[in-house]
Amino acid sequence: MEMSNLTMRLLRFMASDLGVEEEPLLAAFRGKRQSTALHHYPPCRHPEKVIGIAPHSDGFGLTLLLQVDDTPGLQVSNGGRWHPVRPLPGAFIINIGESLEVLTNGLYRSVFHRVVVDAERDRVTVAVFQDACIDGVMKPLPELGEPRYHAIGKSEYFKGHTTEVVGQGERFIDTLKK
């Protein structure tokens, strides 16, 4: 419940930033699926030979990530390079997912990221995924002008998202662009 409340607070800030009414954005998340994942990455003496989680962008609306310890590992891609995200004790990392990218008509972009393992230390995270759609469809909010993405049913989207070529920098969401 607290994570849902935090999500709604963040969405209110985003609606203000976008210059739209709060309610359509909040409604896209309200009552939608919320799931939690606990990740444990044990140390690996040869971290260059393994990957914690392959490069991807989240298919949900928002991901709220708590890094339980101070072991680095999350990296985001920008300009073709990987950049580490330094853990900050007690802080959440908020990832924009592809559903929110579509809802905001591309004004908020989903983050392409991966996780690498550490040679000496464990890494533990808790991720809460907040899903979003409008009446079972992923489409831009009408208030944000001419749609830059084709509308797609949520189940059809997830089918495409889960079968995309992981690790090659390509996203299924890009096939929805007009």
N, C-alpha and C. Protein backbone atom coordinates (compact mmCIF):
# COMPACT_ATOMS: atom_id res chain seq x y z
N MET A 1 0.82 -1.19 0.00
CA MET A 1 0.00 0.00 0.00
C MET A 1 0.87 1.27 0.00
N GLU A 2 1.95 1.23 0.81
CA GLU A 2 2.84 2.40 0.87
C GLU A 2 3.53 2.65 -0.48
N MET A 3 3.87 1.58 -1.17
CA MET A 3 4.52 1.75 -2.48
C MET A 3 3.53 2.33 -3.49
N SER A 4 2.27 1.92 -3.41
CA SER A 4 1.23 2.50 -4.28
C SER A 4 1.06 3.98 -3.97
N ASN A 5 1.07 4.33 -2.68
CA ASN A 5 0.96 5.75 -2.29
C ASN A 5 2.14 6.56 -2.82
N LEU A 6 3.34 5.99 -2.71
CA LEU A 6 4.53 6.68 -3.23
C LEU A 6 4.42 6.85 -4.75
N THR A 7 3.96 5.82 -5.43
CA THR A 7 3.77 5.91 -6.88
C THR A 7 2.82 7.05 -7.23
N MET A 8 1.70 7.14 -6.53
CA MET A 8 0.73 8.20 -6.81
C MET A 8 1.32 9.59 -6.55
N ARG A 9 2.14 9.72 -5.51
CA ARG A 9 2.80 11.01 -5.25
C ARG A 9 3.74 11.37 -6.40
N LEU A 10 4.52 10.40 -6.86
CA LEU A 10 5.43 10.65 -7.98
C LEU A 10 4.66 11.04 -9.24
N LEU A 11 3.55 10.36 -9.49
CA LEU A 11 2.75 10.64 -10.69
C LEU A 11 2.15 12.04 -10.65
N ARG A 12 1.80 12.52 -9.46
CA ARG A 12 1.28 13.88 -9.34
C ARG A 12 2.35 14.90 -9.76
N PHE A 13 3.60 14.66 -9.34
CA PHE A 13 4.70 15.54 -9.75
C PHE A 13 4.90 15.47 -11.26
N MET A 14 4.81 14.26 -11.82
CA MET A 14 4.99 14.09 -13.26
C MET A 14 3.89 14.80 -14.04
N ALA A 15 2.64 14.67 -13.58
CA ALA A 15 1.52 15.34 -14.25
C ALA A 15 1.75 16.86 -14.26
N SER A 16 2.20 17.38 -13.14
CA SER A 16 2.49 18.81 -13.07
C SER A 16 3.59 19.18 -14.05
N ASP A 17 4.63 18.37 -14.10
CA ASP A 17 5.74 18.62 -15.02
C ASP A 17 5.28 18.57 -16.48
N LEU A 18 4.36 17.65 -16.78
CA LEU A 18 3.85 17.50 -18.14
C LEU A 18 2.81 18.56 -18.50
N GLY A 19 2.29 19.25 -17.49
CA GLY A 19 1.28 20.26 -17.73
C GLY A 19 -0.09 19.67 -18.03
N VAL A 20 -0.39 18.49 -17.46
CA VAL A 20 -1.69 17.85 -17.67
C VAL A 20 -2.39 17.67 -16.32
N GLU A 21 -3.68 17.42 -16.39
CA GLU A 21 -4.44 17.11 -15.19
C GLU A 21 -3.91 15.81 -14.59
N GLU A 22 -3.93 15.71 -13.27
CA GLU A 22 -3.43 14.52 -12.58
C GLU A 22 -4.25 13.28 -12.86
N GLU A 23 -5.57 13.42 -12.86
CA GLU A 23 -6.46 12.26 -12.85
C GLU A 23 -6.24 11.26 -13.98
N PRO A 24 -6.09 11.68 -15.24
CA PRO A 24 -5.87 10.67 -16.29
C PRO A 24 -4.60 9.84 -16.06
N LEU A 25 -3.53 10.47 -15.59
CA LEU A 25 -2.29 9.73 -15.34
C LEU A 25 -2.45 8.82 -14.13
N LEU A 26 -3.06 9.30 -13.06
CA LEU A 26 -3.28 8.47 -11.88
C LEU A 26 -4.19 7.29 -12.21
N ALA A 27 -5.22 7.53 -13.01
CA ALA A 27 -6.18 6.47 -13.37
C ALA A 27 -5.51 5.36 -14.17
N ALA A 28 -4.48 5.69 -14.94
CA ALA A 28 -3.78 4.67 -15.73
C ALA A 28 -3.05 3.68 -14.83
N PHE A 29 -2.73 4.08 -13.59
CA PHE A 29 -2.03 3.22 -12.65
C PHE A 29 -2.95 2.62 -11.59
N ARG A 30 -4.01 3.34 -11.26
CA ARG A 30 -4.88 2.94 -10.15
C ARG A 30 -5.51 1.57 -10.42
N GLY A 31 -5.35 0.66 -9.44
CA GLY A 31 -5.94 -0.67 -9.54
C GLY A 31 -5.23 -1.63 -10.47
N LYS A 32 -4.09 -1.21 -11.02
CA LYS A 32 -3.35 -2.09 -11.93
C LYS A 32 -2.40 -2.97 -11.13
N ARG A 33 -1.82 -3.91 -11.82
CA ARG A 33 -0.95 -4.91 -11.19
C ARG A 33 0.27 -4.26 -10.53
N GLN A 34 0.57 -4.76 -9.35
CA GLN A 34 1.79 -4.39 -8.64
C GLN A 34 2.48 -5.71 -8.30
N SER A 35 3.76 -5.80 -8.57
CA SER A 35 4.49 -7.01 -8.23
C SER A 35 5.83 -6.63 -7.60
N THR A 36 6.37 -7.58 -6.84
CA THR A 36 7.62 -7.35 -6.12
C THR A 36 8.60 -8.45 -6.47
N ALA A 37 9.85 -8.07 -6.62
CA ALA A 37 10.92 -9.05 -6.87
C ALA A 37 12.06 -8.79 -5.89
N LEU A 38 12.52 -9.84 -5.27
CA LEU A 38 13.70 -9.78 -4.40
C LEU A 38 14.85 -10.40 -5.18
N HIS A 39 15.93 -9.64 -5.33
CA HIS A 39 17.08 -10.14 -6.09
C HIS A 39 18.29 -10.27 -5.17
N HIS A 40 18.95 -11.40 -5.30
CA HIS A 40 20.21 -11.63 -4.60
C HIS A 40 21.26 -11.97 -5.64
N TYR A 41 22.33 -11.21 -5.65
CA TYR A 41 23.44 -11.43 -6.57
C TYR A 41 24.64 -11.83 -5.74
N PRO A 42 24.98 -13.12 -5.71
CA PRO A 42 26.15 -13.53 -4.92
C PRO A 42 27.44 -13.05 -5.58
N PRO A 43 28.51 -12.95 -4.81
CA PRO A 43 29.79 -12.54 -5.42
C PRO A 43 30.25 -13.59 -6.42
N CYS A 44 31.03 -13.14 -7.38
CA CYS A 44 31.56 -14.05 -8.41
C CYS A 44 33.02 -13.67 -8.65
N ARG A 45 33.90 -14.64 -8.53
CA ARG A 45 35.34 -14.37 -8.70
C ARG A 45 35.69 -13.91 -10.11
N HIS A 46 34.80 -14.19 -11.06
CA HIS A 46 35.04 -13.80 -12.46
C HIS A 46 33.84 -13.03 -12.99
N PRO A 47 33.62 -11.81 -12.47
CA PRO A 47 32.41 -11.07 -12.85
C PRO A 47 32.34 -10.73 -14.34
N GLU A 48 33.47 -10.71 -15.01
CA GLU A 48 33.48 -10.40 -16.44
C GLU A 48 32.87 -11.54 -17.27
N LYS A 49 32.69 -12.70 -16.67
CA LYS A 49 32.16 -13.87 -17.38
C LYS A 49 30.66 -14.07 -17.19
N VAL A 50 30.05 -13.28 -16.31
CA VAL A 50 28.61 -13.44 -16.04
C VAL A 50 27.94 -12.07 -16.04
N ILE A 51 26.62 -12.08 -16.07
CA ILE A 51 25.85 -10.85 -15.95
C ILE A 51 24.73 -11.11 -14.95
N GLY A 52 24.46 -10.14 -14.11
CA GLY A 52 23.40 -10.30 -13.12
C GLY A 52 22.03 -10.32 -13.78
N ILE A 53 21.74 -9.28 -14.55
CA ILE A 53 20.53 -9.19 -15.36
C ILE A 53 20.93 -8.55 -16.69
N ALA A 54 20.53 -9.17 -17.79
CA ALA A 54 20.88 -8.69 -19.12
C ALA A 54 20.27 -7.32 -19.39
N PRO A 55 20.86 -6.55 -20.31
CA PRO A 55 20.33 -5.23 -20.65
C PRO A 55 18.87 -5.30 -21.09
N HIS A 56 18.07 -4.37 -20.57
CA HIS A 56 16.64 -4.33 -20.89
C HIS A 56 16.04 -3.02 -20.39
N SER A 57 14.83 -2.75 -20.79
CA SER A 57 14.04 -1.69 -20.16
C SER A 57 12.79 -2.36 -19.62
N ASP A 58 12.30 -1.86 -18.50
CA ASP A 58 11.15 -2.49 -17.84
C ASP A 58 9.88 -2.23 -18.64
N GLY A 59 9.04 -3.25 -18.72
CA GLY A 59 7.79 -3.13 -19.47
C GLY A 59 6.67 -2.47 -18.69
N PHE A 60 6.83 -2.33 -17.40
CA PHE A 60 5.79 -1.75 -16.56
C PHE A 60 5.82 -0.22 -16.66
N GLY A 61 5.02 0.43 -15.83
CA GLY A 61 4.99 1.88 -15.81
C GLY A 61 6.13 2.48 -15.03
N LEU A 62 6.26 2.05 -13.77
CA LEU A 62 7.33 2.53 -12.89
C LEU A 62 7.93 1.36 -12.14
N THR A 63 9.22 1.44 -11.89
CA THR A 63 9.90 0.50 -11.01
C THR A 63 10.49 1.30 -9.86
N LEU A 64 10.18 0.87 -8.64
CA LEU A 64 10.74 1.49 -7.44
C LEU A 64 11.73 0.48 -6.88
N LEU A 65 13.00 0.83 -6.88
CA LEU A 65 14.06 -0.10 -6.51
C LEU A 65 14.76 0.36 -5.24
N LEU A 66 14.84 -0.54 -4.29
CA LEU A 66 15.59 -0.29 -3.06
C LEU A 66 16.81 -1.18 -3.08
N GLN A 67 18.00 -0.57 -3.03
CA GLN A 67 19.24 -1.33 -2.93
C GLN A 67 19.50 -1.52 -1.44
N VAL A 68 19.41 -2.75 -0.98
CA VAL A 68 19.47 -3.05 0.45
C VAL A 68 20.85 -2.80 1.03
N ASP A 69 21.87 -3.00 0.24
CA ASP A 69 23.24 -2.80 0.73
C ASP A 69 23.94 -1.76 -0.14
N ASP A 70 25.22 -1.56 0.08
CA ASP A 70 25.94 -0.53 -0.68
C ASP A 70 26.79 -1.10 -1.81
N THR A 71 26.49 -2.33 -2.20
CA THR A 71 27.23 -2.94 -3.31
C THR A 71 26.70 -2.41 -4.63
N PRO A 72 27.57 -1.83 -5.46
CA PRO A 72 27.11 -1.35 -6.76
C PRO A 72 26.80 -2.52 -7.70
N GLY A 73 26.14 -2.23 -8.78
CA GLY A 73 25.83 -3.25 -9.77
C GLY A 73 24.88 -2.76 -10.84
N LEU A 74 23.93 -1.88 -10.47
CA LEU A 74 23.00 -1.33 -11.45
C LEU A 74 23.75 -0.36 -12.35
N GLN A 75 23.53 -0.51 -13.66
CA GLN A 75 24.12 0.40 -14.64
C GLN A 75 23.05 0.82 -15.63
N VAL A 76 23.10 2.08 -16.04
CA VAL A 76 22.18 2.59 -17.05
C VAL A 76 22.96 2.95 -18.31
N SER A 77 22.30 2.80 -19.44
CA SER A 77 22.93 3.11 -20.71
C SER A 77 22.56 4.52 -21.14
N ASN A 78 23.58 5.25 -21.56
CA ASN A 78 23.37 6.60 -22.07
C ASN A 78 24.47 6.88 -23.09
N GLY A 79 24.07 7.23 -24.30
CA GLY A 79 25.05 7.54 -25.33
C GLY A 79 25.91 6.35 -25.71
N GLY A 80 25.36 5.13 -25.60
CA GLY A 80 26.10 3.93 -25.97
C GLY A 80 27.10 3.46 -24.92
N ARG A 81 27.11 4.09 -23.75
CA ARG A 81 28.03 3.70 -22.68
C ARG A 81 27.23 3.33 -21.44
N TRP A 82 27.82 2.46 -20.61
CA TRP A 82 27.19 2.04 -19.36
C TRP A 82 27.73 2.89 -18.22
N HIS A 83 26.81 3.40 -17.40
CA HIS A 83 27.16 4.25 -16.27
C HIS A 83 26.64 3.63 -14.98
N PRO A 84 27.50 3.48 -13.96
CA PRO A 84 27.04 2.90 -12.69
C PRO A 84 26.11 3.85 -11.94
N VAL A 85 25.14 3.25 -11.25
CA VAL A 85 24.24 4.00 -10.37
C VAL A 85 24.71 3.70 -8.95
N ARG A 86 25.25 4.68 -8.28
CA ARG A 86 25.79 4.49 -6.93
C ARG A 86 24.67 4.31 -5.93
N PRO A 87 24.72 3.28 -5.11
CA PRO A 87 23.69 3.09 -4.08
C PRO A 87 23.72 4.24 -3.07
N LEU A 88 22.54 4.69 -2.69
CA LEU A 88 22.38 5.73 -1.68
C LEU A 88 21.52 5.13 -0.57
N PRO A 89 22.08 4.92 0.62
CA PRO A 89 21.34 4.25 1.70
C PRO A 89 19.97 4.86 1.96
N GLY A 90 18.95 4.00 1.98
CA GLY A 90 17.59 4.42 2.29
C GLY A 90 16.84 5.11 1.17
N ALA A 91 17.46 5.25 0.01
CA ALA A 91 16.82 5.94 -1.11
C ALA A 91 16.30 4.94 -2.14
N PHE A 92 15.22 5.29 -2.78
CA PHE A 92 14.69 4.49 -3.88
C PHE A 92 15.25 5.01 -5.19
N ILE A 93 15.50 4.10 -6.10
CA ILE A 93 15.81 4.45 -7.48
C ILE A 93 14.50 4.26 -8.24
N ILE A 94 14.10 5.25 -9.01
CA ILE A 94 12.85 5.18 -9.75
C ILE A 94 13.19 5.03 -11.24
N ASN A 95 12.78 3.91 -11.82
CA ASN A 95 12.98 3.68 -13.25
C ASN A 95 11.68 3.92 -13.98
N ILE A 96 11.76 4.71 -15.04
CA ILE A 96 10.62 4.88 -15.93
C ILE A 96 10.54 3.63 -16.80
N GLY A 97 9.36 3.04 -16.88
CA GLY A 97 9.16 1.86 -17.71
C GLY A 97 8.54 2.23 -19.04
N GLU A 98 8.45 1.25 -19.92
CA GLU A 98 7.94 1.49 -21.27
C GLU A 98 6.47 1.90 -21.28
N SER A 99 5.67 1.37 -20.36
CA SER A 99 4.26 1.76 -20.32
C SER A 99 4.12 3.26 -20.04
N LEU A 100 4.94 3.77 -19.13
CA LEU A 100 4.89 5.20 -18.83
C LEU A 100 5.45 6.02 -19.99
N GLU A 101 6.43 5.49 -20.69
CA GLU A 101 6.94 6.19 -21.87
C GLU A 101 5.83 6.39 -22.88
N VAL A 102 5.05 5.34 -23.13
CA VAL A 102 3.94 5.45 -24.09
C VAL A 102 2.88 6.41 -23.55
N LEU A 103 2.49 6.24 -22.28
CA LEU A 103 1.47 7.11 -21.69
C LEU A 103 1.83 8.59 -21.82
N THR A 104 3.11 8.91 -21.63
CA THR A 104 3.56 10.30 -21.68
C THR A 104 3.96 10.72 -23.10
N ASN A 105 3.63 9.88 -24.08
CA ASN A 105 3.90 10.18 -25.49
C ASN A 105 5.39 10.43 -25.74
N GLY A 106 6.23 9.73 -24.97
CA GLY A 106 7.68 9.83 -25.15
C GLY A 106 8.34 10.97 -24.39
N LEU A 107 7.56 11.74 -23.65
CA LEU A 107 8.16 12.86 -22.90
C LEU A 107 9.00 12.35 -21.73
N TYR A 108 8.59 11.22 -21.15
CA TYR A 108 9.45 10.50 -20.20
C TYR A 108 9.89 9.23 -20.90
N ARG A 109 11.19 8.98 -20.94
CA ARG A 109 11.72 7.81 -21.65
C ARG A 109 12.06 6.70 -20.67
N SER A 110 11.80 5.48 -21.09
CA SER A 110 12.18 4.34 -20.27
C SER A 110 13.70 4.23 -20.26
N VAL A 111 14.21 3.67 -19.18
CA VAL A 111 15.66 3.59 -19.01
C VAL A 111 16.15 2.18 -19.35
N PHE A 112 17.15 2.11 -20.23
CA PHE A 112 17.77 0.86 -20.62
C PHE A 112 18.85 0.58 -19.57
N HIS A 113 18.79 -0.56 -18.91
CA HIS A 113 19.70 -0.82 -17.80
C HIS A 113 20.08 -2.30 -17.72
N ARG A 114 21.06 -2.58 -16.90
CA ARG A 114 21.51 -3.95 -16.65
C ARG A 114 22.06 -4.02 -15.23
N VAL A 115 22.35 -5.24 -14.79
CA VAL A 115 22.98 -5.43 -13.49
C VAL A 115 24.22 -6.29 -13.69
N VAL A 116 25.32 -5.83 -13.13
CA VAL A 116 26.56 -6.61 -13.15
C VAL A 116 26.85 -7.07 -11.72
N VAL A 117 27.58 -8.16 -11.61
CA VAL A 117 27.88 -8.71 -10.28
C VAL A 117 29.22 -8.20 -9.78
N ASP A 118 29.42 -8.30 -8.48
CA ASP A 118 30.65 -7.86 -7.83
C ASP A 118 31.53 -9.09 -7.57
N ALA A 119 32.83 -8.90 -7.62
CA ALA A 119 33.75 -10.01 -7.41
C ALA A 119 33.81 -10.46 -5.95
N GLU A 120 33.53 -9.54 -5.01
CA GLU A 120 33.75 -9.86 -3.61
C GLU A 120 32.53 -9.77 -2.71
N ARG A 121 31.50 -9.02 -3.12
CA ARG A 121 30.37 -8.77 -2.22
C ARG A 121 29.03 -9.17 -2.82
N ASP A 122 28.13 -9.59 -1.92
CA ASP A 122 26.74 -9.85 -2.31
C ASP A 122 26.07 -8.52 -2.63
N ARG A 123 25.00 -8.61 -3.41
CA ARG A 123 24.14 -7.45 -3.66
C ARG A 123 22.71 -7.91 -3.52
N VAL A 124 21.91 -7.14 -2.78
CA VAL A 124 20.50 -7.48 -2.56
C VAL A 124 19.65 -6.27 -2.89
N THR A 125 18.58 -6.50 -3.67
CA THR A 125 17.66 -5.42 -4.01
C THR A 125 16.21 -5.90 -3.86
N VAL A 126 15.34 -4.92 -3.67
CA VAL A 126 13.90 -5.16 -3.66
C VAL A 126 13.32 -4.24 -4.73
N ALA A 127 12.64 -4.82 -5.72
CA ALA A 127 12.04 -4.03 -6.79
C ALA A 127 10.52 -4.17 -6.73
N VAL A 128 9.84 -3.04 -6.83
CA VAL A 128 8.38 -3.04 -6.90
C VAL A 128 8.01 -2.46 -8.26
N PHE A 129 7.27 -3.25 -9.03
CA PHE A 129 6.86 -2.86 -10.37
C PHE A 129 5.40 -2.42 -10.35
N GLN A 130 5.14 -1.24 -10.89
CA GLN A 130 3.78 -0.69 -10.97
C GLN A 130 3.36 -0.68 -12.44
N ASP A 131 2.31 -1.40 -12.75
CA ASP A 131 1.84 -1.48 -14.13
C ASP A 131 0.90 -0.32 -14.44
N ALA A 132 0.70 -0.06 -15.73
CA ALA A 132 -0.17 1.04 -16.15
C ALA A 132 -0.73 0.77 -17.54
N CYS A 133 -1.98 1.20 -17.76
CA CYS A 133 -2.59 1.17 -19.08
C CYS A 133 -3.91 1.93 -18.99
N ILE A 134 -4.52 2.18 -20.15
CA ILE A 134 -5.81 2.85 -20.21
C ILE A 134 -6.80 1.84 -20.79
N ASP A 135 -7.72 1.36 -19.96
CA ASP A 135 -8.73 0.39 -20.40
C ASP A 135 -8.10 -0.81 -21.11
N GLY A 136 -7.02 -1.34 -20.56
CA GLY A 136 -6.36 -2.52 -21.12
C GLY A 136 -5.51 -2.25 -22.34
N VAL A 137 -5.29 -0.98 -22.66
CA VAL A 137 -4.53 -0.61 -23.86
C VAL A 137 -3.38 0.31 -23.46
N MET A 138 -2.23 0.08 -24.08
CA MET A 138 -1.10 1.00 -23.94
C MET A 138 -1.23 2.03 -25.04
N LYS A 139 -1.43 3.29 -24.65
CA LYS A 139 -1.54 4.38 -25.62
C LYS A 139 -1.23 5.68 -24.92
N PRO A 140 -0.84 6.69 -25.70
CA PRO A 140 -0.53 7.99 -25.09
C PRO A 140 -1.79 8.65 -24.52
N LEU A 141 -1.60 9.42 -23.45
CA LEU A 141 -2.69 10.22 -22.92
C LEU A 141 -3.12 11.23 -23.98
N PRO A 142 -4.42 11.34 -24.26
CA PRO A 142 -4.88 12.27 -25.30
C PRO A 142 -4.48 13.72 -25.06
N GLU A 143 -4.29 14.09 -23.79
CA GLU A 143 -3.94 15.47 -23.44
C GLU A 143 -2.56 15.87 -23.93
N LEU A 144 -1.77 14.89 -24.37
CA LEU A 144 -0.37 15.18 -24.75
C LEU A 144 -0.17 15.31 -26.25
N GLY A 145 -1.24 15.63 -26.97
CA GLY A 145 -1.11 15.94 -28.38
C GLY A 145 -1.14 14.73 -29.29
N GLU A 146 -0.68 14.95 -30.50
CA GLU A 146 -0.68 13.92 -31.54
C GLU A 146 0.12 12.71 -31.06
N PRO A 147 -0.50 11.51 -31.07
CA PRO A 147 0.20 10.32 -30.56
C PRO A 147 1.45 9.99 -31.37
N ARG A 148 2.53 9.70 -30.67
CA ARG A 148 3.79 9.28 -31.31
C ARG A 148 3.93 7.76 -31.31
N TYR A 149 2.98 7.08 -30.66
CA TYR A 149 3.00 5.62 -30.56
C TYR A 149 1.65 5.07 -30.98
N HIS A 150 1.67 3.92 -31.65
CA HIS A 150 0.44 3.21 -31.97
C HIS A 150 -0.10 2.58 -30.69
N ALA A 151 -1.41 2.56 -30.52
CA ALA A 151 -2.03 1.88 -29.39
C ALA A 151 -1.88 0.37 -29.57
N ILE A 152 -1.73 -0.33 -28.45
CA ILE A 152 -1.59 -1.79 -28.49
C ILE A 152 -2.20 -2.36 -27.21
N GLY A 153 -2.88 -3.48 -27.34
CA GLY A 153 -3.43 -4.15 -26.17
C GLY A 153 -2.31 -4.55 -25.23
N LYS A 154 -2.58 -4.47 -23.94
CA LYS A 154 -1.54 -4.76 -22.94
C LYS A 154 -0.99 -6.17 -23.09
N SER A 155 -1.85 -7.17 -23.30
CA SER A 155 -1.36 -8.55 -23.41
C SER A 155 -0.52 -8.72 -24.69
N GLU A 156 -0.92 -8.07 -25.78
CA GLU A 156 -0.15 -8.13 -27.02
C GLU A 156 1.21 -7.46 -26.83
N TYR A 157 1.22 -6.33 -26.11
CA TYR A 157 2.47 -5.64 -25.82
C TYR A 157 3.41 -6.55 -25.03
N PHE A 158 2.91 -7.17 -23.96
CA PHE A 158 3.78 -8.00 -23.13
C PHE A 158 4.31 -9.20 -23.90
N LYS A 159 3.53 -9.72 -24.82
CA LYS A 159 4.02 -10.81 -25.66
C LYS A 159 5.23 -10.35 -26.48
N GLY A 160 5.12 -9.17 -27.08
CA GLY A 160 6.23 -8.62 -27.86
C GLY A 160 7.41 -8.23 -27.00
N HIS A 161 7.12 -7.65 -25.84
CA HIS A 161 8.19 -7.22 -24.94
C HIS A 161 9.01 -8.40 -24.43
N THR A 162 8.35 -9.49 -24.09
CA THR A 162 9.08 -10.63 -23.52
C THR A 162 9.83 -11.44 -24.57
N THR A 163 9.53 -11.22 -25.84
CA THR A 163 10.24 -11.97 -26.88
C THR A 163 11.25 -11.11 -27.63
N GLU A 164 11.40 -9.83 -27.21
CA GLU A 164 12.35 -8.95 -27.90
C GLU A 164 13.77 -9.48 -27.77
N VAL A 165 14.60 -9.04 -28.67
CA VAL A 165 16.00 -9.45 -28.63
C VAL A 165 16.68 -8.69 -27.50
N VAL A 166 17.00 -9.41 -26.41
CA VAL A 166 17.60 -8.80 -25.24
C VAL A 166 19.10 -8.63 -25.48
N GLY A 167 19.62 -7.49 -25.05
CA GLY A 167 21.05 -7.27 -25.08
C GLY A 167 21.56 -6.63 -26.36
N GLN A 168 20.68 -6.35 -27.32
CA GLN A 168 21.14 -5.75 -28.57
C GLN A 168 20.74 -4.30 -28.70
N GLY A 169 20.24 -3.71 -27.60
CA GLY A 169 19.89 -2.31 -27.63
C GLY A 169 18.60 -2.00 -28.35
N GLU A 170 17.83 -3.03 -28.72
CA GLU A 170 16.57 -2.82 -29.41
C GLU A 170 15.42 -3.07 -28.45
N ARG A 171 14.40 -2.25 -28.57
CA ARG A 171 13.25 -2.37 -27.69
C ARG A 171 12.00 -2.59 -28.53
N PHE A 172 11.13 -3.46 -28.05
CA PHE A 172 9.86 -3.71 -28.75
C PHE A 172 9.06 -2.41 -28.86
N ILE A 173 9.14 -1.59 -27.83
CA ILE A 173 8.39 -0.33 -27.82
C ILE A 173 8.72 0.54 -29.04
N ASP A 174 9.94 0.42 -29.55
CA ASP A 174 10.32 1.22 -30.71
C ASP A 174 9.53 0.85 -31.96
N THR A 175 9.00 -0.38 -32.00
CA THR A 175 8.17 -0.78 -33.15
C THR A 175 6.80 -0.11 -33.10
N LEU A 176 6.44 0.48 -31.96
CA LEU A 176 5.15 1.14 -31.82
C LEU A 176 5.19 2.61 -32.23
N LYS A 177 6.38 3.13 -32.48
CA LYS A 177 6.50 4.55 -32.84
C LYS A 177 5.92 4.79 -34.22
N LYS A 178 5.24 5.92 -34.34
CA LYS A 178 4.64 6.31 -35.62
C LYS A 178 5.66 6.98 -36.50
